[in-house]
């Protein structure tokens, strides 16, 4: 479809202090078919973001750089940035994507054709995640495995299901559907704006298509542990729908299935090696070992389905500890402190 209509899509990217990946992003977008324009919004960046974008204009003729000088009251930085760009956009489709993404060759044409063929009003991906450090290998895959259980791709894509979700790292939406639900202006103060937009599109009768996206797009979400801590603190409570019951269930599962079996396996093996063990201790150790092996195999299948390399699976124990701490911290931020910090700004979480 995009080969016949090469200017269907306006690509919109909010950028606040994104110097690390901008060149890669712009080159990967400029190489796509089906692009009408690339609108990148510099949101008061304090690093080399603007300098890099200006330098890339010669290499990417479709690139337009927009600027935000101040953030209006009642808006979040991202929702305001993409709204500014959406007002300027001329495409029949809008692709909202993040500055930390890389779009693989041919991805836009393939996904636009898929959206047209399936009659989707909104197509969103869960991109492939680049995880070079141990803490990324530990946390990111485990978070996305849990997200895939909370927001099952098949259920979200089923028109008869009430489930709705999207990932703001890649969100392709028909312009008419976007306007019909009021765009990001209608959700200007929503921290989890991608999921909220998907809910509104589906509630208005639009069709969602939510897919694993490692074959088309990849991203490295966080480049420091502190950034990752702040990012998931901001989002996890909302991803769980503010449900303490769901969060407690995940915490209990992390303890019962990930942490305690390995802890008791080590204790029982030490007991056996000390010569004080008996048949009951041996059976207990074998039972714990069975749980550990089955859990590892299940986790390995889950992460590879989402496009992660199998080498992330051995970091599951460390991930369970950090994810548990993140869930607790996210609850505290949203229910006790009533604020989250992101990109140098503090946002209230009060309703």
C-alpha atoms as a PDB file:
ATOM      1  CA  UNK A   1       0.000   0.000   0.000  1.00  0.00           C
ATOM      2  CA  UNK A   2       2.724   2.487   0.960  1.00  0.00           C
ATOM      3  CA  UNK A   3       4.593   1.792  -2.295  1.00  0.00           C
ATOM      4  CA  UNK A   4       1.618   3.201  -4.225  1.00  0.00           C
ATOM      5  CA  UNK A   5       1.068   6.113  -1.838  1.00  0.00           C
ATOM      6  CA  UNK A   6       4.557   7.163  -0.693  1.00  0.00           C
ATOM      7  CA  UNK A   7       3.433  10.079   1.480  1.00  0.00           C
ATOM      8  CA  UNK A   8       0.832   8.528   3.747  1.00  0.00           C
ATOM      9  CA  UNK A   9       2.565   8.821   7.112  1.00  0.00           C
ATOM     10  CA  UNK A  10       3.589  11.761   9.268  1.00  0.00           C
ATOM     11  CA  UNK A  11       6.137  10.539  11.812  1.00  0.00           C
ATOM     12  CA  UNK A  12       6.093  12.363  15.152  1.00  0.00           C
ATOM     13  CA  UNK A  13       8.891  12.131  17.718  1.00  0.00           C
ATOM     14  CA  UNK A  14       9.125  13.995  21.051  1.00  0.00           C
ATOM     15  CA  UNK A  15      12.749  14.676  21.989  1.00  0.00           C
ATOM     16  CA  UNK A  16      14.006  15.928  25.329  1.00  0.00           C
ATOM     17  CA  UNK A  17      17.740  15.381  25.907  1.00  0.00           C
ATOM     18  CA  UNK A  18      17.977  12.543  23.398  1.00  0.00           C
ATOM     19  CA  UNK A  19      21.441  13.091  21.916  1.00  0.00           C
ATOM     20  CA  UNK A  20      22.517   9.467  22.422  1.00  0.00           C
ATOM     21  CA  UNK A  21      20.312   7.933  19.723  1.00  0.00           C
ATOM     22  CA  UNK A  22      19.101  10.755  17.460  1.00  0.00           C
ATOM     23  CA  UNK A  23      21.358  10.113  14.494  1.00  0.00           C
ATOM     24  CA  UNK A  24      20.438   6.424  14.445  1.00  0.00           C
ATOM     25  CA  UNK A  25      16.742   7.271  14.784  1.00  0.00           C
ATOM     26  CA  UNK A  26      16.640   9.859  12.000  1.00  0.00           C
ATOM     27  CA  UNK A  27      18.592   7.679   9.555  1.00  0.00           C
ATOM     28  CA  UNK A  28      16.328   4.708  10.224  1.00  0.00           C
ATOM     29  CA  UNK A  29      13.205   6.839   9.698  1.00  0.00           C
ATOM     30  CA  UNK A  30      14.516   8.606   6.595  1.00  0.00           C
ATOM     31  CA  UNK A  31      15.147   5.234   4.942  1.00  0.00           C
ATOM     32  CA  UNK A  32      11.502   4.125   5.293  1.00  0.00           C
ATOM     33  CA  UNK A  33       8.980   4.094   2.435  1.00  0.00           C
ATOM     34  CA  UNK A  34       5.619   5.742   2.972  1.00  0.00           C
ATOM     35  CA  UNK A  35       6.909   8.795   4.857  1.00  0.00           C
ATOM     36  CA  UNK A  36       5.386  12.206   4.175  1.00  0.00           C
ATOM     37  CA  UNK A  37       7.320  14.072   6.860  1.00  0.00           C
ATOM     38  CA  UNK A  38       9.352  13.505   9.998  1.00  0.00           C
ATOM     39  CA  UNK A  39       8.371  15.935  12.744  1.00  0.00           C
ATOM     40  CA  UNK A  40      10.723  15.932  15.730  1.00  0.00           C
ATOM     41  CA  UNK A  41       9.846  18.210  18.623  1.00  0.00           C
ATOM     42  CA  UNK A  42      12.735  19.589  20.675  1.00  0.00           C
ATOM     43  CA  UNK A  43      11.264  19.863  24.150  1.00  0.00           C
ATOM     44  CA  UNK A  44      13.637  22.335  25.843  1.00  0.00           C
ATOM     45  CA  UNK A  45      16.603  19.995  25.550  1.00  0.00           C
ATOM     46  CA  UNK A  46      19.754  20.890  27.455  1.00  0.00           C
ATOM     47  CA  UNK A  47      22.136  18.546  25.621  1.00  0.00           C
ATOM     48  CA  UNK A  48      23.123  18.384  21.920  1.00  0.00           C
ATOM     49  CA  UNK A  49      19.641  17.326  20.730  1.00  0.00           C
ATOM     50  CA  UNK A  50      18.919  20.495  18.769  1.00  0.00           C
ATOM     51  CA  UNK A  51      22.430  20.693  17.332  1.00  0.00           C
ATOM     52  CA  UNK A  52      22.216  17.120  16.058  1.00  0.00           C
ATOM     53  CA  UNK A  53      18.762  17.630  14.557  1.00  0.00           C
ATOM     54  CA  UNK A  54      19.844  20.757  12.676  1.00  0.00           C
ATOM     55  CA  UNK A  55      22.871  18.906  11.307  1.00  0.00           C
ATOM     56  CA  UNK A  56      20.698  15.986  10.150  1.00  0.00           C
ATOM     57  CA  UNK A  57      18.439  18.134   7.946  1.00  0.00           C
ATOM     58  CA  UNK A  58      20.762  17.836   4.960  1.00  0.00           C
ATOM     59  CA  UNK A  59      20.809  14.070   5.292  1.00  0.00           C
ATOM     60  CA  UNK A  60      17.042  13.753   5.856  1.00  0.00           C
ATOM     61  CA  UNK A  61      15.112  16.203   3.613  1.00  0.00           C
ATOM     62  CA  UNK A  62      11.751  15.203   5.132  1.00  0.00           C
ATOM     63  CA  UNK A  63      12.884  16.185   8.620  1.00  0.00           C
ATOM     64  CA  UNK A  64      11.236  19.206  10.273  1.00  0.00           C
ATOM     65  CA  UNK A  65      12.308  20.359  13.701  1.00  0.00           C
ATOM     66  CA  UNK A  66       9.701  21.977  15.952  1.00  0.00           C
ATOM     67  CA  UNK A  67      10.389  23.683  19.268  1.00  0.00           C
ATOM     68  CA  UNK A  68       8.713  24.004  22.658  1.00  0.00           C
ATOM     69  CA  UNK A  69       9.689  27.028  24.735  1.00  0.00           C
ATOM     70  CA  UNK A  70       7.480  26.307  27.748  1.00  0.00           C
ATOM     71  CA  UNK A  71       5.125  23.653  29.085  1.00  0.00           C
ATOM     72  CA  UNK A  72       1.533  24.854  29.624  1.00  0.00           C
ATOM     73  CA  UNK A  73      -0.199  24.183  32.925  1.00  0.00           C
ATOM     74  CA  UNK A  74      -1.978  20.824  33.038  1.00  0.00           C
ATOM     75  CA  UNK A  75       0.119  19.163  30.349  1.00  0.00           C
ATOM     76  CA  UNK A  76       2.826  16.512  30.481  1.00  0.00           C
ATOM     77  CA  UNK A  77       5.918  17.100  28.389  1.00  0.00           C
ATOM     78  CA  UNK A  78       5.354  14.212  25.999  1.00  0.00           C
ATOM     79  CA  UNK A  79       1.656  14.792  25.415  1.00  0.00           C
ATOM     80  CA  UNK A  80       2.244  18.481  24.706  1.00  0.00           C
ATOM     81  CA  UNK A  81       5.170  17.800  22.360  1.00  0.00           C
ATOM     82  CA  UNK A  82       3.267  15.296  20.225  1.00  0.00           C
ATOM     83  CA  UNK A  83       0.173  17.529  20.190  1.00  0.00           C
ATOM     84  CA  UNK A  84       2.243  20.420  18.821  1.00  0.00           C
ATOM     85  CA  UNK A  85       3.521  18.162  16.054  1.00  0.00           C
ATOM     86  CA  UNK A  86       0.133  16.561  15.328  1.00  0.00           C
ATOM     87  CA  UNK A  87      -1.318  20.026  14.630  1.00  0.00           C
ATOM     88  CA  UNK A  88       1.337  20.469  11.930  1.00  0.00           C
ATOM     89  CA  UNK A  89       1.077  16.966  10.468  1.00  0.00           C
ATOM     90  CA  UNK A  90      -0.393  16.419   6.988  1.00  0.00           C
ATOM     91  CA  UNK A  91      -0.354  12.623   6.678  1.00  0.00           C
ATOM     92  CA  UNK A  92      -3.361  10.319   6.564  1.00  0.00           C
ATOM     93  CA  UNK A  93      -1.617   8.208   9.202  1.00  0.00           C
ATOM     94  CA  UNK A  94       0.350   9.410  12.223  1.00  0.00           C
ATOM     95  CA  UNK A  95       3.235   7.384  13.588  1.00  0.00           C
ATOM     96  CA  UNK A  96       4.156   8.317  17.148  1.00  0.00           C
ATOM     97  CA  UNK A  97       7.511   6.859  18.090  1.00  0.00           C
ATOM     98  CA  UNK A  98      10.186   7.516  20.701  1.00  0.00           C
ATOM     99  CA  UNK A  99      13.608   9.051  20.175  1.00  0.00           C
ATOM    100  CA  UNK A 100      15.354   5.960  21.543  1.00  0.00           C
ATOM    101  CA  UNK A 101      14.068   3.664  18.780  1.00  0.00           C
ATOM    102  CA  UNK A 102      15.645   2.269  15.615  1.00  0.00           C
ATOM    103  CA  UNK A 103      13.308   1.325  12.768  1.00  0.00           C
ATOM    104  CA  UNK A 104      14.480  -1.638  10.722  1.00  0.00           C
ATOM    105  CA  UNK A 105      14.494  -1.453   6.902  1.00  0.00           C
ATOM    106  CA  UNK A 106      11.048  -1.814   5.330  1.00  0.00           C
ATOM    107  CA  UNK A 107       9.222  -1.804   8.665  1.00  0.00           C
ATOM    108  CA  UNK A 108       6.908   1.140   8.023  1.00  0.00           C
ATOM    109  CA  UNK A 109       5.782  -0.100   4.604  1.00  0.00           C
ATOM    110  CA  UNK A 110       5.130  -3.599   5.970  1.00  0.00           C
ATOM    111  CA  UNK A 111       3.206  -2.366   9.010  1.00  0.00           C
ATOM    112  CA  UNK A 112       1.195   0.186   7.061  1.00  0.00           C
ATOM    113  CA  UNK A 113       0.176  -2.517   4.629  1.00  0.00           C
ATOM    114  CA  UNK A 114      -0.737  -4.807   7.534  1.00  0.00           C
ATOM    115  CA  UNK A 115      -2.827  -2.093   9.195  1.00  0.00           C
ATOM    116  CA  UNK A 116      -4.671  -1.373   5.943  1.00  0.00           C
ATOM    117  CA  UNK A 117      -5.268  -5.060   5.251  1.00  0.00           C
ATOM    118  CA  UNK A 118      -6.585  -5.742   8.756  1.00  0.00           C
ATOM    119  CA  UNK A 119      -8.681  -2.574   8.848  1.00  0.00           C
ATOM    120  CA  UNK A 120      -6.879  -1.382  11.971  1.00  0.00           C
ATOM    121  CA  UNK A 121      -7.379   2.139  13.252  1.00  0.00           C
ATOM    122  CA  UNK A 122      -4.418   1.863  15.598  1.00  0.00           C
ATOM    123  CA  UNK A 123      -1.454  -0.483  15.247  1.00  0.00           C
ATOM    124  CA  UNK A 124       1.069  -0.652  18.056  1.00  0.00           C
ATOM    125  CA  UNK A 125       4.160  -2.738  18.685  1.00  0.00           C
ATOM    126  CA  UNK A 126       6.103  -3.943  21.657  1.00  0.00           C
ATOM    127  CA  UNK A 127       9.565  -3.318  20.133  1.00  0.00           C
ATOM    128  CA  UNK A 128      12.601  -5.494  20.510  1.00  0.00           C
ATOM    129  CA  UNK A 129      14.607  -4.384  23.539  1.00  0.00           C
ATOM    130  CA  UNK A 130      18.380  -3.908  23.437  1.00  0.00           C
ATOM    131  CA  UNK A 131      19.822  -4.941  26.821  1.00  0.00           C
ATOM    132  CA  UNK A 132      23.642  -4.659  26.939  1.00  0.00           C
ATOM    133  CA  UNK A 133      24.084  -4.386  30.726  1.00  0.00           C
ATOM    134  CA  UNK A 134      23.320  -6.941  33.439  1.00  0.00           C
ATOM    135  CA  UNK A 135      20.598  -4.810  35.010  1.00  0.00           C
ATOM    136  CA  UNK A 136      18.851  -4.376  31.672  1.00  0.00           C
ATOM    137  CA  UNK A 137      19.045  -8.139  31.040  1.00  0.00           C
ATOM    138  CA  UNK A 138      17.622  -8.722  34.515  1.00  0.00           C
ATOM    139  CA  UNK A 139      14.756  -6.224  34.588  1.00  0.00           C
ATOM    140  CA  UNK A 140      13.575  -5.350  31.072  1.00  0.00           C
ATOM    141  CA  UNK A 141      12.688  -8.885  29.878  1.00  0.00           C
ATOM    142  CA  UNK A 142      10.931  -9.726  33.161  1.00  0.00           C
ATOM    143  CA  UNK A 143       8.877  -6.534  32.998  1.00  0.00           C
ATOM    144  CA  UNK A 144       7.809  -7.255  29.424  1.00  0.00           C
ATOM    145  CA  UNK A 145       6.899 -10.851  30.218  1.00  0.00           C
ATOM    146  CA  UNK A 146       4.578  -9.534  32.913  1.00  0.00           C
ATOM    147  CA  UNK A 147       3.196  -6.872  30.562  1.00  0.00           C
ATOM    148  CA  UNK A 148       2.423  -9.533  27.972  1.00  0.00           C
ATOM    149  CA  UNK A 149       0.337 -11.311  30.592  1.00  0.00           C
ATOM    150  CA  UNK A 150      -1.477  -8.155  31.659  1.00  0.00           C
ATOM    151  CA  UNK A 151      -2.118  -7.036  28.070  1.00  0.00           C
ATOM    152  CA  UNK A 152      -2.274 -10.138  25.904  1.00  0.00           C
ATOM    153  CA  UNK A 153      -1.678  -9.325  22.249  1.00  0.00           C
ATOM    154  CA  UNK A 154      -4.544 -11.532  21.095  1.00  0.00           C
ATOM    155  CA  UNK A 155      -7.053 -10.040  23.543  1.00  0.00           C
ATOM    156  CA  UNK A 156      -6.119  -6.449  22.744  1.00  0.00           C
ATOM    157  CA  UNK A 157      -6.442  -7.152  19.007  1.00  0.00           C
ATOM    158  CA  UNK A 158      -9.808  -8.893  19.438  1.00  0.00           C
ATOM    159  CA  UNK A 159     -12.631  -6.408  18.647  1.00  0.00           C
ATOM    160  CA  UNK A 160     -15.028  -8.175  21.013  1.00  0.00           C
ATOM    161  CA  UNK A 161     -12.662  -7.917  23.967  1.00  0.00           C
ATOM    162  CA  UNK A 162     -12.646  -4.951  26.323  1.00  0.00           C
ATOM    163  CA  UNK A 163      -8.848  -5.188  26.641  1.00  0.00           C
ATOM    164  CA  UNK A 164      -7.002  -2.189  25.204  1.00  0.00           C
ATOM    165  CA  UNK A 165      -3.308  -1.329  25.188  1.00  0.00           C
ATOM    166  CA  UNK A 166      -0.612   0.302  23.111  1.00  0.00           C
ATOM    167  CA  UNK A 167       3.098   1.029  23.407  1.00  0.00           C
ATOM    168  CA  UNK A 168       4.103   4.635  22.781  1.00  0.00           C
ATOM    169  CA  UNK A 169       7.439   3.484  21.391  1.00  0.00           C
ATOM    170  CA  UNK A 170       5.541   2.605  18.203  1.00  0.00           C
ATOM    171  CA  UNK A 171       1.975   3.776  17.730  1.00  0.00           C
ATOM    172  CA  UNK A 172       0.580   4.046  14.179  1.00  0.00           C
ATOM    173  CA  UNK A 173      -2.908   5.560  14.043  1.00  0.00           C
ATOM    174  CA  UNK A 174      -5.282   6.757  11.357  1.00  0.00           C
ATOM    175  CA  UNK A 175      -5.593  10.514  11.436  1.00  0.00           C
ATOM    176  CA  UNK A 176      -9.402  10.308  11.470  1.00  0.00           C
ATOM    177  CA  UNK A 177      -9.384   7.934  14.446  1.00  0.00           C
ATOM    178  CA  UNK A 178      -6.933  10.190  16.270  1.00  0.00           C
ATOM    179  CA  UNK A 179      -9.123  13.253  15.713  1.00  0.00           C
ATOM    180  CA  UNK A 180     -12.283  11.348  16.667  1.00  0.00           C
ATOM    181  CA  UNK A 181     -11.005  10.684  20.195  1.00  0.00           C
ATOM    182  CA  UNK A 182      -9.556  14.166  20.673  1.00  0.00           C
ATOM    183  CA  UNK A 183      -5.922  13.187  20.168  1.00  0.00           C
ATOM    184  CA  UNK A 184      -3.369  13.661  22.918  1.00  0.00           C
ATOM    185  CA  UNK A 185      -5.044  16.905  23.918  1.00  0.00           C
ATOM    186  CA  UNK A 186      -7.856  14.857  25.453  1.00  0.00           C
ATOM    187  CA  UNK A 187      -5.328  12.944  27.581  1.00  0.00           C
ATOM    188  CA  UNK A 188      -2.914  15.812  28.202  1.00  0.00           C
ATOM    189  CA  UNK A 189      -2.220  14.901  31.837  1.00  0.00           C
ATOM    190  CA  UNK A 190      -2.163  11.102  31.503  1.00  0.00           C
ATOM    191  CA  UNK A 191       1.221   9.622  32.416  1.00  0.00           C
ATOM    192  CA  UNK A 192       0.392   6.355  30.629  1.00  0.00           C
ATOM    193  CA  UNK A 193      -0.858   8.181  27.553  1.00  0.00           C
ATOM    194  CA  UNK A 194      -0.364   5.311  25.095  1.00  0.00           C
ATOM    195  CA  UNK A 195      -2.686   2.916  26.906  1.00  0.00           C
ATOM    196  CA  UNK A 196      -5.245   5.664  27.492  1.00  0.00           C
ATOM    197  CA  UNK A 197      -5.276   6.563  23.793  1.00  0.00           C
ATOM    198  CA  UNK A 198      -5.809   2.912  22.871  1.00  0.00           C
ATOM    199  CA  UNK A 199      -8.694   2.651  25.343  1.00  0.00           C
ATOM    200  CA  UNK A 200     -10.387   5.657  23.795  1.00  0.00           C
ATOM    201  CA  UNK A 201      -9.933   4.417  20.236  1.00  0.00           C
ATOM    202  CA  UNK A 202     -11.412   1.029  21.097  1.00  0.00           C
ATOM    203  CA  UNK A 203     -14.260   2.551  23.093  1.00  0.00           C
ATOM    204  CA  UNK A 204     -15.110   4.688  20.040  1.00  0.00           C
ATOM    205  CA  UNK A 205     -15.431   1.555  17.899  1.00  0.00           C
ATOM    206  CA  UNK A 206     -11.947   1.580  16.414  1.00  0.00           C
ATOM    207  CA  UNK A 207      -9.946  -1.579  15.792  1.00  0.00           C
ATOM    208  CA  UNK A 208      -6.640  -2.157  17.600  1.00  0.00           C
ATOM    209  CA  UNK A 209      -3.776  -4.310  16.401  1.00  0.00           C
ATOM    210  CA  UNK A 210      -1.140  -4.968  19.075  1.00  0.00           C
ATOM    211  CA  UNK A 211       1.875  -7.095  18.149  1.00  0.00           C
ATOM    212  CA  UNK A 212       5.336  -8.216  19.279  1.00  0.00           C
ATOM    213  CA  UNK A 213       7.590  -5.937  17.264  1.00  0.00           C
ATOM    214  CA  UNK A 214      11.190  -7.163  17.463  1.00  0.00           C
ATOM    215  CA  UNK A 215      11.179  -7.908  13.725  1.00  0.00           C
ATOM    216  CA  UNK A 216      10.449  -4.258  12.885  1.00  0.00           C
ATOM    217  CA  UNK A 217      11.668  -1.927  15.632  1.00  0.00           C
ATOM    218  CA  UNK A 218      14.152  -2.056  18.475  1.00  0.00           C
ATOM    219  CA  UNK A 219      15.011   0.260  21.310  1.00  0.00           C
ATOM    220  CA  UNK A 220      17.259   0.710  24.287  1.00  0.00           C
ATOM    221  CA  UNK A 221      14.887   2.276  26.771  1.00  0.00           C
ATOM    222  CA  UNK A 222      17.300   3.314  29.515  1.00  0.00           C
ATOM    223  CA  UNK A 223      21.019   4.076  29.517  1.00  0.00           C
ATOM    224  CA  UNK A 224      21.541   4.176  33.279  1.00  0.00           C
ATOM    225  CA  UNK A 225      20.159   2.270  36.241  1.00  0.00           C
ATOM    226  CA  UNK A 226      18.815   5.498  37.735  1.00  0.00           C
ATOM    227  CA  UNK A 227      16.941   6.339  34.552  1.00  0.00           C
ATOM    228  CA  UNK A 228      15.443   2.856  34.506  1.00  0.00           C
ATOM    229  CA  UNK A 229      14.456   3.164  38.164  1.00  0.00           C
ATOM    230  CA  UNK A 230      12.671   6.470  37.546  1.00  0.00           C
ATOM    231  CA  UNK A 231      11.019   5.251  34.342  1.00  0.00           C
ATOM    232  CA  UNK A 232       9.459   2.101  35.767  1.00  0.00           C
ATOM    233  CA  UNK A 233       8.598   3.868  39.037  1.00  0.00           C
ATOM    234  CA  UNK A 234       6.590   6.293  36.907  1.00  0.00           C
ATOM    235  CA  UNK A 235       4.812   3.616  34.884  1.00  0.00           C
ATOM    236  CA  UNK A 236       4.417   0.313  36.743  1.00  0.00           C
ATOM    237  CA  UNK A 237       1.617   1.324  39.111  1.00  0.00           C
ATOM    238  CA  UNK A 238      -0.375   2.681  36.168  1.00  0.00           C
ATOM    239  CA  UNK A 239       0.401  -0.328  33.969  1.00  0.00           C
ATOM    240  CA  UNK A 240      -1.227  -2.469  36.668  1.00  0.00           C
ATOM    241  CA  UNK A 241      -4.260  -0.197  36.488  1.00  0.00           C
ATOM    242  CA  UNK A 242      -3.610   1.126  39.992  1.00  0.00           C
ATOM    243  CA  UNK A 243      -4.699  -2.262  41.334  1.00  0.00           C
ATOM    244  CA  UNK A 244      -2.949  -3.153  44.582  1.00  0.00           C
ATOM    245  CA  UNK A 245      -4.400  -6.664  44.274  1.00  0.00           C
ATOM    246  CA  UNK A 246      -2.683  -7.232  40.906  1.00  0.00           C
ATOM    247  CA  UNK A 247       0.581  -5.779  42.185  1.00  0.00           C
ATOM    248  CA  UNK A 248       0.457  -7.924  45.325  1.00  0.00           C
ATOM    249  CA  UNK A 249      -0.244 -10.988  43.174  1.00  0.00           C
ATOM    250  CA  UNK A 250       2.868 -10.290  41.091  1.00  0.00           C
ATOM    251  CA  UNK A 251       4.969  -9.715  44.211  1.00  0.00           C
ATOM    252  CA  UNK A 252       3.717 -12.983  45.702  1.00  0.00           C
ATOM    253  CA  UNK A 253       4.513 -14.841  42.487  1.00  0.00           C
ATOM    254  CA  UNK A 254       8.009 -13.355  42.321  1.00  0.00           C
ATOM    255  CA  UNK A 255       8.624 -14.620  45.862  1.00  0.00           C
ATOM    256  CA  UNK A 256       6.935 -18.007  45.526  1.00  0.00           C
ATOM    257  CA  UNK A 257       8.173 -18.983  42.065  1.00  0.00           C
ATOM    258  CA  UNK A 258      11.386 -17.039  41.494  1.00  0.00           C
ATOM    259  CA  UNK A 259      13.038 -16.273  44.819  1.00  0.00           C
ATOM    260  CA  UNK A 260      12.052 -18.801  47.493  1.00  0.00           C
ATOM    261  CA  UNK A 261      12.627 -22.026  45.484  1.00  0.00           C
ATOM    262  CA  UNK A 262      16.200 -20.985  44.691  1.00  0.00           C
ATOM    263  CA  UNK A 263      16.793 -19.864  48.270  1.00  0.00           C
ATOM    264  CA  UNK A 264      15.519 -23.135  49.751  1.00  0.00           C
ATOM    265  CA  UNK A 265      17.383 -25.161  47.123  1.00  0.00           C
ATOM    266  CA  UNK A 266      20.676 -23.622  48.255  1.00  0.00           C
ATOM    267  CA  UNK A 267      19.830 -24.125  51.945  1.00  0.00           C
ATOM    268  CA  UNK A 268      18.790 -27.765  51.463  1.00  0.00           C
ATOM    269  CA  UNK A 269      21.834 -28.563  49.329  1.00  0.00           C
ATOM    270  CA  UNK A 270      24.118 -27.105  52.011  1.00  0.00           C
ATOM    271  CA  UNK A 271      22.300 -29.238  54.567  1.00  0.00           C
ATOM    272  CA  UNK A 272      22.811 -32.351  52.464  1.00  0.00           C
ATOM    273  CA  UNK A 273      26.492 -31.574  51.883  1.00  0.00           C
ATOM    274  CA  UNK A 274      26.997 -31.148  55.621  1.00  0.00           C
ATOM    275  CA  UNK A 275      25.983 -34.771  56.113  1.00  0.00           C
ATOM    276  CA  UNK A 276      22.934 -33.922  58.222  1.00  0.00           C
ATOM    277  CA  UNK A 277      20.378 -34.497  55.489  1.00  0.00           C
ATOM    278  CA  UNK A 278      17.821 -37.267  55.189  1.00  0.00           C
ATOM    279  CA  UNK A 279      15.270 -38.473  52.639  1.00  0.00           C
ATOM    280  CA  UNK A 280      12.878 -35.623  53.443  1.00  0.00           C
ATOM    281  CA  UNK A 281      15.597 -33.020  52.863  1.00  0.00           C
ATOM    282  CA  UNK A 282      16.598 -34.733  49.627  1.00  0.00           C
ATOM    283  CA  UNK A 283      12.996 -34.767  48.397  1.00  0.00           C
ATOM    284  CA  UNK A 284      12.639 -31.106  49.328  1.00  0.00           C
ATOM    285  CA  UNK A 285      15.785 -30.227  47.390  1.00  0.00           C
ATOM    286  CA  UNK A 286      14.590 -32.192  44.351  1.00  0.00           C
ATOM    287  CA  UNK A 287      11.201 -30.468  44.537  1.00  0.00           C
ATOM    288  CA  UNK A 288      12.825 -27.031  44.640  1.00  0.00           C
ATOM    289  CA  UNK A 289      15.103 -28.002  41.759  1.00  0.00           C
ATOM    290  CA  UNK A 290      12.101 -29.073  39.705  1.00  0.00           C
ATOM    291  CA  UNK A 291      10.366 -25.743  40.316  1.00  0.00           C
ATOM    292  CA  UNK A 292      13.530 -23.838  39.339  1.00  0.00           C
ATOM    293  CA  UNK A 293      13.992 -25.836  36.121  1.00  0.00           C
ATOM    294  CA  UNK A 294      10.340 -25.580  35.060  1.00  0.00           C
ATOM    295  CA  UNK A 295      10.244 -21.867  35.849  1.00  0.00           C
ATOM    296  CA  UNK A 296      13.431 -21.251  33.866  1.00  0.00           C
ATOM    297  CA  UNK A 297      12.090 -23.155  30.856  1.00  0.00           C
ATOM    298  CA  UNK A 298       8.805 -21.239  30.997  1.00  0.00           C
ATOM    299  CA  UNK A 299      10.594 -17.905  31.282  1.00  0.00           C
ATOM    300  CA  UNK A 300      12.934 -18.772  28.426  1.00  0.00           C
ATOM    301  CA  UNK A 301       9.973 -19.483  26.144  1.00  0.00           C
ATOM    302  CA  UNK A 302       8.289 -16.233  27.173  1.00  0.00           C
ATOM    303  CA  UNK A 303      11.292 -13.978  26.574  1.00  0.00           C
ATOM    304  CA  UNK A 304      12.207 -15.532  23.236  1.00  0.00           C
ATOM    305  CA  UNK A 305       8.615 -15.105  22.049  1.00  0.00           C
ATOM    306  CA  UNK A 306       8.999 -11.388  22.754  1.00  0.00           C
ATOM    307  CA  UNK A 307      12.215 -11.230  20.729  1.00  0.00           C
ATOM    308  CA  UNK A 308      14.796 -11.296  23.531  1.00  0.00           C
ATOM    309  CA  UNK A 309      17.949 -13.353  23.209  1.00  0.00           C
ATOM    310  CA  UNK A 310      18.044 -16.495  25.312  1.00  0.00           C
ATOM    311  CA  UNK A 311      21.055 -15.129  27.214  1.00  0.00           C
ATOM    312  CA  UNK A 312      18.800 -12.870  29.304  1.00  0.00           C
ATOM    313  CA  UNK A 313      17.066 -15.821  30.997  1.00  0.00           C
ATOM    314  CA  UNK A 314      19.801 -16.582  33.589  1.00  0.00           C
ATOM    315  CA  UNK A 315      19.353 -13.072  35.037  1.00  0.00           C
ATOM    316  CA  UNK A 316      15.800 -13.846  36.151  1.00  0.00           C
ATOM    317  CA  UNK A 317      16.631 -14.040  39.890  1.00  0.00           C
ATOM    318  CA  UNK A 318      18.262 -10.601  39.958  1.00  0.00           C
ATOM    319  CA  UNK A 319      15.383  -9.280  37.880  1.00  0.00           C
ATOM    320  CA  UNK A 320      12.824 -10.611  40.342  1.00  0.00           C
ATOM    321  CA  UNK A 321      14.507  -8.779  43.234  1.00  0.00           C
ATOM    322  CA  UNK A 322      14.714  -5.460  41.361  1.00  0.00           C
ATOM    323  CA  UNK A 323      11.224  -5.743  39.870  1.00  0.00           C
ATOM    324  CA  UNK A 324       9.769  -6.405  43.313  1.00  0.00           C
ATOM    325  CA  UNK A 325      11.501  -3.280  44.635  1.00  0.00           C
ATOM    326  CA  UNK A 326      10.303  -1.266  41.637  1.00  0.00           C
ATOM    327  CA  UNK A 327       6.698  -2.322  42.150  1.00  0.00           C
ATOM    328  CA  UNK A 328       6.803  -1.295  45.804  1.00  0.00           C
ATOM    329  CA  UNK A 329       8.490   2.017  44.923  1.00  0.00           C
ATOM    330  CA  UNK A 330       5.925   2.732  42.218  1.00  0.00           C
ATOM    331  CA  UNK A 331       3.084   2.192  44.695  1.00  0.00           C
ATOM    332  CA  UNK A 332       4.782   4.562  47.156  1.00  0.00           C
ATOM    333  CA  UNK A 333       5.274   7.214  44.460  1.00  0.00           C
ATOM    334  CA  UNK A 334       1.655   7.099  43.310  1.00  0.00           C
ATOM    335  CA  UNK A 335      -0.171   6.402  46.580  1.00  0.00           C
ATOM    336  CA  UNK A 336       2.051   8.020  49.234  1.00  0.00           C
ATOM    337  CA  UNK A 337       4.390  10.633  47.739  1.00  0.00           C
ATOM    338  CA  UNK A 338       1.911  11.515  44.976  1.00  0.00           C
ATOM    339  CA  UNK A 339       4.574  12.494  42.453  1.00  0.00           C
ATOM    340  CA  UNK A 340       6.962  11.001  39.919  1.00  0.00           C
ATOM    341  CA  UNK A 341      10.102  12.468  38.349  1.00  0.00           C
ATOM    342  CA  UNK A 342      10.945  12.137  34.668  1.00  0.00           C
ATOM    343  CA  UNK A 343      13.235  13.998  32.263  1.00  0.00           C
ATOM    344  CA  UNK A 344      13.986  16.645  34.838  1.00  0.00           C
ATOM    345  CA  UNK A 345      10.326  17.389  35.560  1.00  0.00           C
ATOM    346  CA  UNK A 346       8.103  16.461  38.496  1.00  0.00           C
ATOM    347  CA  UNK A 347       4.533  15.370  37.802  1.00  0.00           C
ATOM    348  CA  UNK A 348       1.740  15.065  40.336  1.00  0.00           C
ATOM    349  CA  UNK A 349      -0.018  11.694  40.489  1.00  0.00           C
ATOM    350  CA  UNK A 350      -3.073  13.010  42.274  1.00  0.00           C
ATOM    351  CA  UNK A 351      -6.316  12.551  40.372  1.00  0.00           C
END
